[in-house]
Amino acid sequence: MQIVLPPEVEALVQRQLTSGKYQNAIAVILAGIKLLEQQEDIYQGRLQDLQQEARIGWEASERGEVVDGSAAIDQIRANVRSRYGVSDKA
């Protein structure tokens, strides 16, 4: 497989080579691919967490375990005030 890199990517690869951090262009590209894989793993993990949290919320709502939004915000504010001594006055 041959890949033609845009000039700005070639310049980035060359800067990395000049820094001495990498032995050759393949090493630079492999490092970039590894970072892309790590980013994808993080994204997939966070997506799964959010899906699980959504399921938990949905199941709670199905059981009638819901809280009025205004009441929830008021409770959060009260918790912050009591924990950090924050005043309502701005």
C-alpha atoms as a PDB file:
ATOM      1  CA  MET A   1       0.000   0.000   0.000  1.00  0.00           C
ATOM      2  CA  GLN A   2       1.310   3.400  -0.903  1.00  0.00           C
ATOM      3  CA  ILE A   3      -0.038   6.534   0.706  1.00  0.00           C
ATOM      4  CA  VAL A   4       0.472  10.087  -0.480  1.00  0.00           C
ATOM      5  CA  LEU A   5       0.509  12.477   2.458  1.00  0.00           C
ATOM      6  CA  PRO A   6      -0.667  16.067   2.160  1.00  0.00           C
ATOM      7  CA  PRO A   7       2.195  18.569   2.498  1.00  0.00           C
ATOM      8  CA  GLU A   8       1.173  19.648   6.011  1.00  0.00           C
ATOM      9  CA  VAL A   9       1.231  16.025   7.210  1.00  0.00           C
ATOM     10  CA  GLU A  10       4.586  15.442   5.543  1.00  0.00           C
ATOM     11  CA  ALA A  11       5.902  18.519   7.349  1.00  0.00           C
ATOM     12  CA  LEU A  12       4.599  17.161  10.670  1.00  0.00           C
ATOM     13  CA  VAL A  13       6.283  13.816  10.064  1.00  0.00           C
ATOM     14  CA  GLN A  14       9.511  15.590   9.131  1.00  0.00           C
ATOM     15  CA  ARG A  15       9.394  17.702  12.318  1.00  0.00           C
ATOM     16  CA  GLN A  16       8.995  14.534  14.385  1.00  0.00           C
ATOM     17  CA  LEU A  17      11.936  12.928  12.606  1.00  0.00           C
ATOM     18  CA  THR A  18      14.062  16.044  13.078  1.00  0.00           C
ATOM     19  CA  SER A  19      13.292  16.011  16.796  1.00  0.00           C
ATOM     20  CA  GLY A  20      15.014  12.642  16.986  1.00  0.00           C
ATOM     21  CA  LYS A  21      12.067  11.089  18.716  1.00  0.00           C
ATOM     22  CA  TYR A  22      11.391   8.649  15.860  1.00  0.00           C
ATOM     23  CA  GLN A  23      13.699   6.615  13.641  1.00  0.00           C
ATOM     24  CA  ASN A  24      11.626   6.827  10.448  1.00  0.00           C
ATOM     25  CA  ALA A  25       8.329   7.963   8.950  1.00  0.00           C
ATOM     26  CA  ILE A  26       6.694   4.586   9.585  1.00  0.00           C
ATOM     27  CA  ALA A  27       7.389   4.942  13.317  1.00  0.00           C
ATOM     28  CA  VAL A  28       5.731   8.372  13.324  1.00  0.00           C
ATOM     29  CA  ILE A  29       2.679   7.069  11.495  1.00  0.00           C
ATOM     30  CA  LEU A  30       2.420   4.006  13.760  1.00  0.00           C
ATOM     31  CA  ALA A  31       2.533   6.286  16.827  1.00  0.00           C
ATOM     32  CA  GLY A  32      -0.333   8.317  15.350  1.00  0.00           C
ATOM     33  CA  ILE A  33      -2.356   5.181  14.658  1.00  0.00           C
ATOM     34  CA  LYS A  34      -1.751   3.957  18.209  1.00  0.00           C
ATOM     35  CA  LEU A  35      -3.051   7.261  19.586  1.00  0.00           C
ATOM     36  CA  LEU A  36      -6.096   6.996  17.331  1.00  0.00           C
ATOM     37  CA  GLU A  37      -6.806   3.500  18.668  1.00  0.00           C
ATOM     38  CA  GLN A  38      -6.454   4.721  22.268  1.00  0.00           C
ATOM     39  CA  GLN A  39      -8.813   7.623  21.571  1.00  0.00           C
ATOM     40  CA  GLU A  40     -11.350   5.244  20.033  1.00  0.00           C
ATOM     41  CA  ASP A  41     -11.102   2.923  23.061  1.00  0.00           C
ATOM     42  CA  ILE A  42     -11.738   5.866  25.393  1.00  0.00           C
ATOM     43  CA  TYR A  43     -14.686   7.008  23.270  1.00  0.00           C
ATOM     44  CA  GLN A  44     -16.208   3.526  23.189  1.00  0.00           C
ATOM     45  CA  GLY A  45     -15.773   3.133  26.949  1.00  0.00           C
ATOM     46  CA  ARG A  46     -17.425   6.482  27.635  1.00  0.00           C
ATOM     47  CA  LEU A  47     -20.229   5.669  25.195  1.00  0.00           C
ATOM     48  CA  GLN A  48     -20.891   2.401  27.013  1.00  0.00           C
ATOM     49  CA  ASP A  49     -20.898   4.256  30.357  1.00  0.00           C
ATOM     50  CA  LEU A  50     -23.423   6.781  29.051  1.00  0.00           C
ATOM     51  CA  GLN A  51     -25.614   4.030  27.611  1.00  0.00           C
ATOM     52  CA  GLN A  52     -25.571   2.236  30.971  1.00  0.00           C
ATOM     53  CA  GLU A  53     -26.439   5.454  32.806  1.00  0.00           C
ATOM     54  CA  ALA A  54     -29.293   6.057  30.355  1.00  0.00           C
ATOM     55  CA  ARG A  55     -30.599   2.513  30.954  1.00  0.00           C
ATOM     56  CA  ILE A  56     -30.462   3.049  34.716  1.00  0.00           C
ATOM     57  CA  GLY A  57     -32.377   6.318  34.359  1.00  0.00           C
ATOM     58  CA  TRP A  58     -34.927   4.761  32.030  1.00  0.00           C
ATOM     59  CA  GLU A  59     -35.510   1.827  34.376  1.00  0.00           C
ATOM     60  CA  ALA A  60     -35.892   4.203  37.330  1.00  0.00           C
ATOM     61  CA  SER A  61     -38.439   6.247  35.395  1.00  0.00           C
ATOM     62  CA  GLU A  62     -40.311   3.061  34.483  1.00  0.00           C
ATOM     63  CA  ARG A  63     -40.572   2.314  38.210  1.00  0.00           C
ATOM     64  CA  GLY A  64     -41.815   5.860  38.849  1.00  0.00           C
ATOM     65  CA  GLU A  65     -38.607   6.875  40.609  1.00  0.00           C
ATOM     66  CA  VAL A  66     -38.343  10.305  39.051  1.00  0.00           C
ATOM     67  CA  VAL A  67     -37.674  13.727  40.495  1.00  0.00           C
ATOM     68  CA  ASP A  68     -39.074  17.008  39.253  1.00  0.00           C
ATOM     69  CA  GLY A  69     -36.311  18.946  37.473  1.00  0.00           C
ATOM     70  CA  SER A  70     -36.848  22.144  39.470  1.00  0.00           C
ATOM     71  CA  ALA A  71     -36.832  20.233  42.736  1.00  0.00           C
ATOM     72  CA  ALA A  72     -33.628  18.445  41.734  1.00  0.00           C
ATOM     73  CA  ILE A  73     -31.877  21.746  40.901  1.00  0.00           C
ATOM     74  CA  ASP A  74     -33.048  23.273  44.186  1.00  0.00           C
ATOM     75  CA  GLN A  75     -31.663  20.274  46.072  1.00  0.00           C
ATOM     76  CA  ILE A  76     -28.334  20.461  44.244  1.00  0.00           C
ATOM     77  CA  ARG A  77     -28.047  24.171  45.044  1.00  0.00           C
ATOM     78  CA  ALA A  78     -28.867  23.529  48.695  1.00  0.00           C
ATOM     79  CA  ASN A  79     -26.212  20.803  48.830  1.00  0.00           C
ATOM     80  CA  VAL A  80     -23.612  23.128  47.306  1.00  0.00           C
ATOM     81  CA  ARG A  81     -24.527  25.935  49.724  1.00  0.00           C
ATOM     82  CA  SER A  82     -24.253  23.680  52.758  1.00  0.00           C
ATOM     83  CA  ARG A  83     -21.050  21.984  51.600  1.00  0.00           C
ATOM     84  CA  TYR A  84     -19.159  25.082  50.485  1.00  0.00           C
ATOM     85  CA  GLY A  85     -20.875  27.847  52.433  1.00  0.00           C
ATOM     86  CA  VAL A  86     -22.048  29.471  49.199  1.00  0.00           C
ATOM     87  CA  SER A  87     -24.627  32.246  49.450  1.00  0.00           C
ATOM     88  CA  ASP A  88     -27.598  32.702  47.123  1.00  0.00           C
ATOM     89  CA  LYS A  89     -26.621  36.352  46.731  1.00  0.00           C
ATOM     90  CA  ALA A  90     -24.578  37.108  43.630  1.00  0.00           C
END
